[in-house]
Every structure is written in structure tokens, then in C-alpha cells.
């Protein structure tokens, strides 16, 4: 029987797939919520309130945001980091 590869996790249990998707430049809702440090429910509230733009559709079943949009939101909300 072949072994199944399980994604590695860090100390808080999040898988490392988010970091790989950040490098690719597009985050799906679960990863975007993790990236922003909010729940998926809060993420959708942010979209409904206009704080974040609507999801972009890459294919019929894939939606999310470019990392640049999420970074812009972070800068607008919290300001630029002094070390940046």
C-alpha cells in the first residue's frame, strides 16, 4: 500500500501550504483569513462591508485574492512597518 504524504504543520497546527501560496501570489479564502489573522467569517464580513474587495474568480471553483491586495489592506489598516 502506498504511503500518503501529509502536509507538515508548525507548532500551532497550521499547514505550510499557506506560505507556498503566498509565494505564488494568490490566496484562497481560508489561507487569506489565516494570512490576515482573522476567521473566515470575519473575512467575509470584511468583504460585505467593503473593507476588502470581492473575491476574484480564477476558475469555476477557485476564488481568492492576489497577495498584493491583502498587503495593501494591511498597510491601509495598520500602516507601514518601520523596518519596511
Protein backbone atom coordinates (compact mmCIF):
# COMPACT_ATOMS: atom_id res chain seq x y z
CA UNK A 1 0.00 0.00 0.00
CA UNK A 2 1.48 3.42 -0.96
CA UNK A 3 2.17 5.95 1.76
CA UNK A 4 0.14 9.14 1.75
CA UNK A 5 2.10 12.35 2.11
CA UNK A 6 0.60 14.55 4.84
CA UNK A 7 1.41 18.28 4.78
CA UNK A 8 3.76 19.28 7.57
CA UNK A 9 2.44 21.53 10.32
CA UNK A 10 4.05 24.16 12.50
CA UNK A 11 3.68 24.44 16.28
CA UNK A 12 0.20 25.96 16.13
CA UNK A 13 -1.13 23.37 13.71
CA UNK A 14 -1.37 25.47 10.54
CA UNK A 15 -0.04 23.72 7.49
CA UNK A 16 2.76 25.17 5.45
CA UNK A 17 0.65 25.35 2.32
CA UNK A 18 -0.24 28.98 3.08
CA UNK A 19 3.42 30.02 2.78
CA UNK A 20 3.65 28.26 -0.58
CA UNK A 21 0.52 30.03 -1.82
CA UNK A 22 1.84 33.40 -0.63
CA UNK A 23 4.87 32.84 -2.84
CA UNK A 24 2.55 32.05 -5.76
CA UNK A 25 0.77 35.36 -5.20
CA UNK A 26 -2.85 34.22 -4.80
CA UNK A 27 -4.66 33.17 -1.63
CA UNK A 28 -7.93 31.33 -1.36
CA UNK A 29 -10.32 32.35 1.45
CA UNK A 30 -9.04 30.01 4.18
CA UNK A 31 -5.43 30.99 3.51
CA UNK A 32 -6.33 34.69 3.19
CA UNK A 33 -8.06 34.59 6.58
CA UNK A 34 -5.01 32.92 8.11
CA UNK A 35 -2.71 35.46 6.41
CA UNK A 36 -4.74 38.38 7.81
CA UNK A 37 -5.13 36.76 11.23
CA UNK A 38 -8.93 36.61 11.14
CA UNK A 39 -11.55 33.89 10.86
CA UNK A 40 -13.20 33.06 7.54
CA UNK A 41 -16.44 34.53 8.89
CA UNK A 42 -14.67 37.83 9.65
CA UNK A 43 -13.04 37.73 6.22
CA UNK A 44 -16.45 37.51 4.54
CA UNK A 45 -17.77 40.28 6.80
CA UNK A 46 -14.87 42.45 5.63
CA UNK A 47 -15.86 41.77 2.00
CA UNK A 48 -19.53 42.53 2.68
CA UNK A 49 -18.65 45.80 4.44
CA UNK A 50 -16.36 46.90 1.59
CA UNK A 51 -13.21 46.69 3.69
CA UNK A 52 -11.86 44.09 1.24
CA UNK A 53 -12.66 43.83 -2.47
CA UNK A 54 -14.82 40.94 -3.69
CA UNK A 55 -13.27 37.58 -4.36
CA UNK A 56 -11.62 37.14 -7.75
CA UNK A 57 -12.57 34.04 -9.71
CA UNK A 58 -9.69 32.12 -11.29
CA UNK A 59 -11.83 29.23 -12.46
CA UNK A 60 -15.38 27.99 -11.85
CA UNK A 61 -14.35 26.53 -8.48
CA UNK A 62 -11.36 28.66 -7.42
CA UNK A 63 -11.69 32.12 -5.85
CA UNK A 64 -9.43 34.30 -3.74
CA UNK A 65 -7.30 37.43 -3.71
CA UNK A 66 -3.87 38.38 -5.00
CA UNK A 67 -1.43 38.77 -2.10
CA UNK A 68 -0.77 42.38 -3.19
CA UNK A 69 -4.40 43.30 -2.43
CA UNK A 70 -4.17 41.73 1.03
CA UNK A 71 -0.86 43.51 1.69
CA UNK A 72 -2.42 46.81 0.60
CA UNK A 73 -5.25 46.22 3.06
CA UNK A 74 -2.77 45.56 5.87
CA UNK A 75 -0.83 48.75 5.11
CA UNK A 76 -4.01 50.82 4.91
CA UNK A 77 -5.34 49.37 8.15
CA UNK A 78 -2.17 49.24 10.25
CA UNK A 79 0.28 51.50 8.43
CA UNK A 80 3.69 50.65 7.02
CA UNK A 81 6.07 48.76 9.29
CA UNK A 82 9.04 50.82 10.44
CA UNK A 83 11.53 48.19 9.23
CA UNK A 84 9.98 48.05 5.74
